[in-house]
Amino acid sequence: MHAEIYTDGVDEVTIGGAIVRVDLFSLSPTERDANNAPKKVFRQRLIFSAESFANSVEVMQNALQGLVDAGVVQRNRPRPPMTPPQAAARVESSSSVSDSSRSPNVSTNFR
């Protein structure tokens, strides 16, 4: 039997030379942050060569497209480029409204 690892998402990707490190996290069942949301807890690190990472990204993009096509997830529209502070405040306030309707346990990878 092969060990399986559950992850709530990717926390950080670090590139050093031709090596790519991908840190996976899970949401803590017991620890909470200041907003009472579960804290991210490091679980596992994936280490790729640059070439194998590039191939993996292509495989994941294909899987994501299959999920989008099946209606399981919706792609977010790209955010507009940086704007002056006055305009940025308006953009932030409108985006926080949509995030407030989401559960705090939703993965940040799909926001």
N, C-alpha and C. Protein backbone atom coordinates (compact mmCIF):
# COMPACT_ATOMS: atom_id res chain seq x y z
N MET A 1 0.84 -1.18 0.00
CA MET A 1 0.00 0.00 0.00
C MET A 1 0.89 1.25 0.00
N HIS A 2 0.47 2.25 -0.73
CA HIS A 2 1.21 3.51 -0.80
C HIS A 2 0.62 4.51 0.18
N ALA A 3 1.49 5.27 0.83
CA ALA A 3 1.02 6.30 1.75
C ALA A 3 0.40 7.44 0.96
N GLU A 4 -0.71 7.97 1.46
CA GLU A 4 -1.35 9.11 0.84
C GLU A 4 -1.26 10.29 1.78
N ILE A 5 -1.10 11.47 1.22
CA ILE A 5 -0.97 12.68 2.02
C ILE A 5 -2.09 13.63 1.61
N TYR A 6 -2.83 14.12 2.60
CA TYR A 6 -3.84 15.14 2.34
C TYR A 6 -3.22 16.50 2.56
N THR A 7 -3.56 17.45 1.72
CA THR A 7 -3.10 18.83 1.91
C THR A 7 -4.23 19.79 1.61
N ASP A 8 -4.26 20.90 2.35
CA ASP A 8 -5.23 21.95 2.05
C ASP A 8 -4.69 22.91 1.00
N GLY A 9 -3.41 22.83 0.70
CA GLY A 9 -2.88 23.69 -0.33
C GLY A 9 -1.38 23.82 -0.31
N VAL A 10 -0.91 24.67 -1.20
CA VAL A 10 0.52 24.99 -1.31
C VAL A 10 0.74 26.30 -0.58
N ASP A 11 1.70 26.31 0.34
CA ASP A 11 1.98 27.51 1.12
C ASP A 11 3.07 28.34 0.47
N GLU A 12 4.10 27.69 -0.02
CA GLU A 12 5.23 28.44 -0.57
C GLU A 12 5.95 27.60 -1.61
N VAL A 13 6.45 28.27 -2.63
CA VAL A 13 7.28 27.64 -3.65
C VAL A 13 8.61 28.38 -3.63
N THR A 14 9.70 27.64 -3.44
CA THR A 14 11.03 28.24 -3.37
C THR A 14 11.87 27.66 -4.50
N ILE A 15 12.55 28.55 -5.22
CA ILE A 15 13.39 28.11 -6.33
C ILE A 15 14.83 28.43 -5.98
N GLY A 16 15.68 27.41 -6.04
CA GLY A 16 17.11 27.58 -5.80
C GLY A 16 17.88 26.87 -6.88
N GLY A 17 18.42 27.65 -7.81
CA GLY A 17 19.12 27.03 -8.94
C GLY A 17 18.15 26.24 -9.79
N ALA A 18 18.44 24.95 -9.96
CA ALA A 18 17.59 24.08 -10.77
C ALA A 18 16.67 23.23 -9.90
N ILE A 19 16.51 23.60 -8.63
CA ILE A 19 15.67 22.85 -7.70
C ILE A 19 14.48 23.70 -7.27
N VAL A 20 13.28 23.10 -7.29
CA VAL A 20 12.06 23.78 -6.86
C VAL A 20 11.50 23.03 -5.65
N ARG A 21 11.26 23.77 -4.57
CA ARG A 21 10.70 23.19 -3.35
C ARG A 21 9.28 23.72 -3.17
N VAL A 22 8.32 22.83 -2.97
CA VAL A 22 6.92 23.19 -2.82
C VAL A 22 6.48 22.73 -1.43
N ASP A 23 6.13 23.69 -0.56
CA ASP A 23 5.70 23.37 0.80
C ASP A 23 4.18 23.24 0.84
N LEU A 24 3.72 22.10 1.34
CA LEU A 24 2.30 21.82 1.48
C LEU A 24 1.86 22.10 2.91
N PHE A 25 0.61 22.53 3.08
CA PHE A 25 0.09 22.78 4.42
C PHE A 25 -1.28 22.14 4.60
N SER A 26 -1.66 21.99 5.85
CA SER A 26 -3.02 21.61 6.23
C SER A 26 -3.51 22.64 7.23
N LEU A 27 -4.81 22.79 7.31
CA LEU A 27 -5.38 23.70 8.30
C LEU A 27 -5.48 22.98 9.63
N SER A 28 -5.01 23.64 10.69
CA SER A 28 -4.98 23.03 12.02
C SER A 28 -6.39 22.84 12.56
N PRO A 29 -6.66 21.68 13.14
CA PRO A 29 -7.98 21.46 13.75
C PRO A 29 -8.09 22.14 15.12
N THR A 30 -6.98 22.57 15.69
CA THR A 30 -7.01 23.12 17.05
C THR A 30 -6.49 24.54 17.15
N GLU A 31 -5.52 24.94 16.33
CA GLU A 31 -4.91 26.27 16.44
C GLU A 31 -5.65 27.26 15.55
N ARG A 32 -5.88 28.47 16.12
CA ARG A 32 -6.60 29.52 15.40
C ARG A 32 -5.76 30.79 15.36
N ASP A 33 -5.96 31.61 14.32
CA ASP A 33 -5.26 32.88 14.24
C ASP A 33 -6.12 33.97 14.88
N ALA A 34 -5.70 35.23 14.76
CA ALA A 34 -6.40 36.35 15.39
C ALA A 34 -7.82 36.52 14.86
N ASN A 35 -8.09 36.06 13.64
CA ASN A 35 -9.43 36.16 13.05
C ASN A 35 -10.25 34.90 13.29
N ASN A 36 -9.76 34.02 14.15
CA ASN A 36 -10.41 32.76 14.50
C ASN A 36 -10.48 31.77 13.32
N ALA A 37 -9.62 31.97 12.34
CA ALA A 37 -9.52 31.03 11.22
C ALA A 37 -8.45 29.99 11.56
N PRO A 38 -8.59 28.77 11.07
CA PRO A 38 -7.56 27.76 11.35
C PRO A 38 -6.19 28.19 10.83
N LYS A 39 -5.15 27.93 11.62
CA LYS A 39 -3.79 28.26 11.20
C LYS A 39 -3.27 27.23 10.21
N LYS A 40 -2.39 27.70 9.31
CA LYS A 40 -1.73 26.80 8.38
C LYS A 40 -0.61 26.08 9.12
N VAL A 41 -0.52 24.76 8.90
CA VAL A 41 0.52 23.96 9.53
C VAL A 41 1.29 23.24 8.42
N PHE A 42 2.62 23.41 8.40
CA PHE A 42 3.46 22.74 7.41
C PHE A 42 3.27 21.23 7.52
N ARG A 43 3.12 20.55 6.38
CA ARG A 43 2.93 19.10 6.38
C ARG A 43 4.01 18.33 5.64
N GLN A 44 4.38 18.82 4.46
CA GLN A 44 5.28 18.04 3.61
C GLN A 44 5.93 18.97 2.61
N ARG A 45 7.11 18.61 2.15
CA ARG A 45 7.79 19.38 1.11
C ARG A 45 8.02 18.47 -0.09
N LEU A 46 7.64 18.96 -1.26
CA LEU A 46 7.92 18.28 -2.51
C LEU A 46 9.14 18.95 -3.13
N ILE A 47 10.09 18.17 -3.59
CA ILE A 47 11.30 18.73 -4.19
C ILE A 47 11.40 18.19 -5.62
N PHE A 48 11.47 19.13 -6.57
CA PHE A 48 11.48 18.81 -7.98
C PHE A 48 12.73 19.36 -8.64
N SER A 49 13.14 18.74 -9.73
CA SER A 49 14.06 19.42 -10.64
C SER A 49 13.21 20.45 -11.37
N ALA A 50 13.84 21.47 -11.95
CA ALA A 50 13.09 22.50 -12.67
C ALA A 50 12.27 21.89 -13.79
N GLU A 51 12.85 20.93 -14.50
CA GLU A 51 12.14 20.28 -15.61
C GLU A 51 10.93 19.49 -15.12
N SER A 52 11.10 18.72 -14.05
CA SER A 52 9.96 17.92 -13.56
C SER A 52 8.88 18.82 -12.97
N PHE A 53 9.27 19.97 -12.36
CA PHE A 53 8.28 20.91 -11.85
C PHE A 53 7.46 21.47 -13.01
N ALA A 54 8.14 21.87 -14.09
CA ALA A 54 7.44 22.41 -15.26
C ALA A 54 6.46 21.38 -15.82
N ASN A 55 6.87 20.12 -15.90
CA ASN A 55 5.97 19.06 -16.37
C ASN A 55 4.79 18.88 -15.43
N SER A 56 5.03 18.97 -14.12
CA SER A 56 3.97 18.81 -13.13
C SER A 56 2.95 19.94 -13.23
N VAL A 57 3.43 21.16 -13.48
CA VAL A 57 2.52 22.31 -13.62
C VAL A 57 1.61 22.08 -14.82
N GLU A 58 2.15 21.57 -15.91
CA GLU A 58 1.32 21.30 -17.09
C GLU A 58 0.25 20.26 -16.77
N VAL A 59 0.61 19.20 -16.04
CA VAL A 59 -0.36 18.17 -15.67
C VAL A 59 -1.46 18.77 -14.79
N MET A 60 -1.06 19.62 -13.83
CA MET A 60 -2.04 20.24 -12.92
C MET A 60 -2.94 21.22 -13.67
N GLN A 61 -2.39 21.96 -14.64
CA GLN A 61 -3.22 22.87 -15.43
C GLN A 61 -4.27 22.09 -16.21
N ASN A 62 -3.90 20.94 -16.74
CA ASN A 62 -4.86 20.10 -17.45
C ASN A 62 -5.94 19.58 -16.51
N ALA A 63 -5.53 19.18 -15.29
CA ALA A 63 -6.50 18.71 -14.31
C ALA A 63 -7.45 19.85 -13.91
N LEU A 64 -6.90 21.04 -13.71
CA LEU A 64 -7.73 22.19 -13.36
C LEU A 64 -8.72 22.49 -14.47
N GLN A 65 -8.29 22.44 -15.71
CA GLN A 65 -9.20 22.69 -16.82
C GLN A 65 -10.33 21.66 -16.83
N GLY A 66 -10.01 20.42 -16.49
CA GLY A 66 -11.06 19.40 -16.40
C GLY A 66 -12.06 19.72 -15.30
N LEU A 67 -11.59 20.24 -14.16
CA LEU A 67 -12.49 20.63 -13.08
C LEU A 67 -13.35 21.83 -13.48
N VAL A 68 -12.76 22.77 -14.18
CA VAL A 68 -13.52 23.94 -14.67
C VAL A 68 -14.58 23.48 -15.67
N ASP A 69 -14.19 22.63 -16.60
CA ASP A 69 -15.13 22.13 -17.61
C ASP A 69 -16.27 21.36 -16.98
N ALA A 70 -16.00 20.65 -15.88
CA ALA A 70 -17.03 19.88 -15.19
C ALA A 70 -17.88 20.74 -14.26
N GLY A 71 -17.50 22.02 -14.10
CA GLY A 71 -18.25 22.92 -13.23
C GLY A 71 -17.95 22.75 -11.75
N VAL A 72 -16.89 22.03 -11.42
CA VAL A 72 -16.53 21.80 -10.02
C VAL A 72 -15.92 23.06 -9.40
N VAL A 73 -15.11 23.79 -10.17
CA VAL A 73 -14.51 25.04 -9.70
C VAL A 73 -14.72 26.11 -10.77
N GLN A 74 -14.65 27.36 -10.33
CA GLN A 74 -14.73 28.48 -11.26
C GLN A 74 -13.41 29.24 -11.19
N ARG A 75 -12.89 29.63 -12.32
CA ARG A 75 -11.66 30.43 -12.37
C ARG A 75 -11.99 31.86 -12.00
N ASN A 76 -11.13 32.48 -11.19
CA ASN A 76 -11.27 33.89 -10.88
C ASN A 76 -10.78 34.70 -12.07
N ARG A 77 -11.43 35.84 -12.29
CA ARG A 77 -10.94 36.74 -13.33
C ARG A 77 -9.63 37.34 -12.85
N PRO A 78 -8.69 37.60 -13.76
CA PRO A 78 -7.42 38.22 -13.34
C PRO A 78 -7.69 39.56 -12.68
N ARG A 79 -6.90 39.86 -11.66
CA ARG A 79 -7.04 41.15 -10.98
C ARG A 79 -6.44 42.24 -11.86
N PRO A 80 -7.03 43.46 -11.78
CA PRO A 80 -6.47 44.55 -12.58
C PRO A 80 -5.09 44.91 -12.07
N PRO A 81 -4.27 45.54 -12.92
CA PRO A 81 -2.93 45.95 -12.48
C PRO A 81 -3.02 46.96 -11.35
N MET A 82 -1.88 47.15 -10.67
CA MET A 82 -1.84 48.09 -9.55
C MET A 82 -2.34 49.46 -10.01
N THR A 83 -3.11 50.10 -9.13
CA THR A 83 -3.68 51.41 -9.43
C THR A 83 -3.31 52.38 -8.32
N PRO A 84 -3.56 53.66 -8.51
CA PRO A 84 -3.28 54.62 -7.44
C PRO A 84 -4.04 54.26 -6.17
N PRO A 85 -3.56 54.69 -4.99
CA PRO A 85 -4.16 54.30 -3.71
C PRO A 85 -5.66 54.56 -3.62
N GLN A 86 -6.18 55.66 -4.19
CA GLN A 86 -7.61 55.94 -4.09
C GLN A 86 -8.41 54.86 -4.81
N ALA A 87 -7.98 54.48 -5.98
CA ALA A 87 -8.68 53.45 -6.75
C ALA A 87 -8.51 52.08 -6.11
N ALA A 88 -7.34 51.82 -5.54
CA ALA A 88 -7.09 50.52 -4.91
C ALA A 88 -8.04 50.31 -3.74
N ALA A 89 -8.35 51.36 -2.99
CA ALA A 89 -9.27 51.23 -1.86
C ALA A 89 -10.64 50.79 -2.33
N ARG A 90 -11.08 51.32 -3.46
CA ARG A 90 -12.39 50.91 -3.99
C ARG A 90 -12.37 49.45 -4.41
N VAL A 91 -11.30 49.00 -5.05
CA VAL A 91 -11.21 47.61 -5.49
C VAL A 91 -11.21 46.68 -4.29
N GLU A 92 -10.43 47.01 -3.26
CA GLU A 92 -10.37 46.15 -2.07
C GLU A 92 -11.72 46.03 -1.40
N SER A 93 -12.46 47.13 -1.28
CA SER A 93 -13.73 47.06 -0.58
C SER A 93 -14.72 46.19 -1.33
N SER A 94 -14.70 46.24 -2.66
CA SER A 94 -15.63 45.41 -3.41
C SER A 94 -15.24 43.93 -3.35
N SER A 95 -13.94 43.63 -3.31
CA SER A 95 -13.52 42.23 -3.27
C SER A 95 -13.75 41.64 -1.89
N SER A 96 -13.70 42.45 -0.83
CA SER A 96 -13.91 41.89 0.50
C SER A 96 -15.35 41.47 0.70
N VAL A 97 -16.27 42.06 -0.04
CA VAL A 97 -17.67 41.67 0.07
C VAL A 97 -17.84 40.24 -0.41
N SER A 98 -17.22 39.90 -1.54
CA SER A 98 -17.37 38.55 -2.06
C SER A 98 -16.68 37.52 -1.16
N ASP A 99 -15.54 37.89 -0.52
CA ASP A 99 -14.85 36.95 0.36
C ASP A 99 -15.61 36.73 1.66
N SER A 100 -16.41 37.72 2.10
CA SER A 100 -17.11 37.57 3.37
C SER A 100 -18.19 36.50 3.31
N SER A 101 -18.68 36.19 2.12
CA SER A 101 -19.72 35.17 2.00
C SER A 101 -19.13 33.76 2.01
N ARG A 102 -17.81 33.64 1.94
CA ARG A 102 -17.15 32.34 1.94
C ARG A 102 -16.87 31.86 3.35
N SER A 103 -16.85 30.59 3.51
CA SER A 103 -16.47 30.00 4.78
C SER A 103 -15.00 30.28 5.06
N PRO A 104 -14.62 30.55 6.32
CA PRO A 104 -13.19 30.78 6.60
C PRO A 104 -12.36 29.52 6.40
N ASN A 105 -13.00 28.37 6.21
CA ASN A 105 -12.26 27.12 6.02
C ASN A 105 -12.01 26.81 4.56
N VAL A 106 -12.41 27.70 3.65
CA VAL A 106 -12.19 27.48 2.22
C VAL A 106 -10.72 27.68 1.92
N SER A 107 -10.16 26.82 1.11
CA SER A 107 -8.77 26.94 0.72
C SER A 107 -8.51 28.26 0.02
N THR A 108 -7.43 28.92 0.38
CA THR A 108 -7.07 30.18 -0.27
C THR A 108 -6.67 29.97 -1.71
N ASN A 109 -6.43 28.73 -2.11
CA ASN A 109 -6.04 28.46 -3.49
C ASN A 109 -7.18 28.70 -4.48
N PHE A 110 -8.42 28.80 -3.98
CA PHE A 110 -9.57 28.98 -4.87
C PHE A 110 -10.28 30.30 -4.61
N ARG A 111 -9.61 31.27 -4.03
CA ARG A 111 -10.21 32.59 -3.83
C ARG A 111 -9.90 33.49 -4.98
